[in-house]
Amino acid sequence: MTEPVALPAPAGRGRLRIADPVYARIAAQAAREALADAWAERPQHGPLPRVSVLVVRGRVRLTLHLDLPYPVDTAALAVRARDAAIERVTALTGTPVGDVTVIVDRLVPAGAVR
């Protein structure tokens, strides 16, 4: 039987590059799940948050665009969506999130037609 071949150290084996749309999709899904309770009383759920991504020096910068139900504590929901996106992106990709900008594009009143 042959002896197993020793692998080089992890840093010497290559690189892993995660495409920007992967970060965006992970962050959008996490934000949507974080906002699900706020939309629960509505006949329609809000749209999937839109996310733009920039990776600089190994850190992810996210911009979350949200539509939120109205009336609502806008600041609390924005923080909830931001925290969920940071946690999920970091957990699934191992890439630190350096900055998140949350933009509330629209407040949707109950009974509003989108």
Protein backbone atom coordinates (compact mmCIF):
# COMPACT_ATOMS: atom_id res chain seq x y z
CA MET A 1 0.00 0.00 0.00
CA THR A 2 1.32 3.45 -0.86
CA GLU A 3 1.74 6.21 1.64
CA PRO A 4 -0.74 9.11 1.41
CA VAL A 5 0.53 12.18 -0.34
CA ALA A 6 0.92 15.18 1.93
CA LEU A 7 -1.09 18.15 0.77
CA PRO A 8 0.39 21.63 0.78
CA ALA A 9 -0.77 24.09 3.41
CA PRO A 10 -4.28 25.51 2.72
CA ALA A 11 -2.85 28.87 1.64
CA GLY A 12 -0.73 27.10 -0.95
CA ARG A 13 -3.57 25.10 -2.51
CA GLY A 14 -5.19 27.95 -4.40
CA ARG A 15 -7.83 30.61 -4.04
CA LEU A 16 -11.56 30.64 -3.69
CA ARG A 17 -13.40 33.46 -5.39
CA ILE A 18 -17.06 33.97 -4.63
CA ALA A 19 -18.93 35.88 -7.31
CA ASP A 20 -20.67 39.11 -6.29
CA PRO A 21 -24.15 37.79 -7.23
CA VAL A 22 -23.68 34.99 -4.68
CA TYR A 23 -23.12 37.51 -1.89
CA ALA A 24 -26.12 39.50 -3.14
CA ARG A 25 -28.42 36.51 -3.21
CA ILE A 26 -27.40 35.35 0.26
CA ALA A 27 -27.90 38.84 1.71
CA ALA A 28 -31.25 39.35 -0.04
CA GLN A 29 -32.65 36.05 1.22
CA ALA A 30 -31.45 36.71 4.78
CA ALA A 31 -33.00 40.19 4.76
CA ARG A 32 -36.29 38.86 3.38
CA GLU A 33 -36.46 36.20 6.08
CA ALA A 34 -35.70 38.82 8.74
CA LEU A 35 -38.59 40.96 7.48
CA ALA A 36 -41.10 38.10 7.10
CA ASP A 37 -42.84 38.83 10.42
CA ALA A 38 -43.44 42.45 9.43
CA TRP A 39 -45.16 41.33 6.21
CA ALA A 40 -47.08 38.44 7.86
CA GLU A 41 -50.30 40.41 8.33
CA ARG A 42 -50.37 41.43 4.66
CA PRO A 43 -52.04 39.50 1.84
CA GLN A 44 -48.87 39.93 -0.22
CA HIS A 45 -45.31 39.76 1.03
CA GLY A 46 -42.85 42.45 0.12
CA PRO A 47 -40.55 42.00 -2.83
CA LEU A 48 -37.17 40.37 -2.43
CA PRO A 49 -34.75 43.04 -1.23
CA ARG A 50 -32.38 44.29 -3.91
CA VAL A 51 -28.71 44.13 -3.01
CA SER A 52 -25.63 45.58 -4.62
CA VAL A 53 -22.21 44.26 -3.64
CA LEU A 54 -18.67 45.54 -3.74
CA VAL A 55 -15.74 43.44 -2.53
CA VAL A 56 -12.73 45.49 -1.50
CA ARG A 57 -9.59 44.01 0.05
CA GLY A 58 -11.34 40.83 1.07
CA ARG A 59 -14.28 42.57 2.73
CA VAL A 60 -17.82 42.77 1.41
CA ARG A 61 -19.75 46.04 1.21
CA LEU A 62 -23.49 45.62 0.84
CA THR A 63 -26.23 48.05 -0.11
CA LEU A 64 -29.71 46.76 0.77
CA HIS A 65 -32.72 48.32 -0.95
CA LEU A 66 -35.89 47.52 0.99
CA ASP A 67 -39.61 48.00 0.58
CA LEU A 68 -41.23 47.98 4.02
CA PRO A 69 -44.84 47.71 5.16
CA TYR A 70 -46.37 50.89 6.57
CA PRO A 71 -46.94 51.76 9.38
CA VAL A 72 -43.86 50.15 10.90
CA ASP A 73 -40.79 50.95 13.00
CA THR A 74 -38.62 51.59 9.96
CA ALA A 75 -35.34 51.87 11.87
CA ALA A 76 -35.87 48.60 13.75
CA LEU A 77 -36.68 46.68 10.58
CA ALA A 78 -33.70 48.19 8.76
CA VAL A 79 -31.41 47.09 11.59
CA ARG A 80 -32.97 43.61 11.62
CA ALA A 81 -32.44 43.21 7.86
CA ARG A 82 -28.88 44.57 8.07
CA ASP A 83 -27.90 42.28 10.93
CA ALA A 84 -29.38 39.21 9.24
CA ALA A 85 -27.51 39.95 6.00
CA ILE A 86 -24.21 40.43 7.84
CA GLU A 87 -24.61 37.26 9.86
CA ARG A 88 -25.64 35.05 6.93
CA VAL A 89 -23.02 36.31 4.46
CA THR A 90 -20.26 35.88 7.02
CA ALA A 91 -21.46 32.44 8.12
CA LEU A 92 -21.91 30.99 4.63
CA THR A 93 -18.93 32.52 2.84
CA GLY A 94 -16.41 33.21 5.58
CA THR A 95 -15.95 36.68 4.13
CA PRO A 96 -16.22 39.55 6.60
CA VAL A 97 -18.81 42.22 5.89
CA GLY A 98 -17.21 45.63 6.28
CA ASP A 99 -20.05 48.00 5.58
CA VAL A 100 -23.79 47.82 4.99
CA THR A 101 -25.94 50.65 3.72
CA VAL A 102 -29.69 50.21 4.06
CA ILE A 103 -31.95 52.25 1.80
CA VAL A 104 -35.70 52.15 2.30
CA ASP A 105 -37.01 52.71 -1.22
CA ARG A 106 -40.70 52.45 -0.46
CA LEU A 107 -43.18 52.22 2.39
CA VAL A 108 -46.16 50.11 1.37
CA PRO A 109 -49.42 51.01 3.17
CA ALA A 110 -51.85 48.23 4.03
CA GLY A 111 -54.13 47.56 1.08
CA ALA A 112 -51.82 49.26 -1.41
CA VAL A 113 -51.61 47.73 -4.85
CA ARG A 114 -48.10 47.21 -6.09
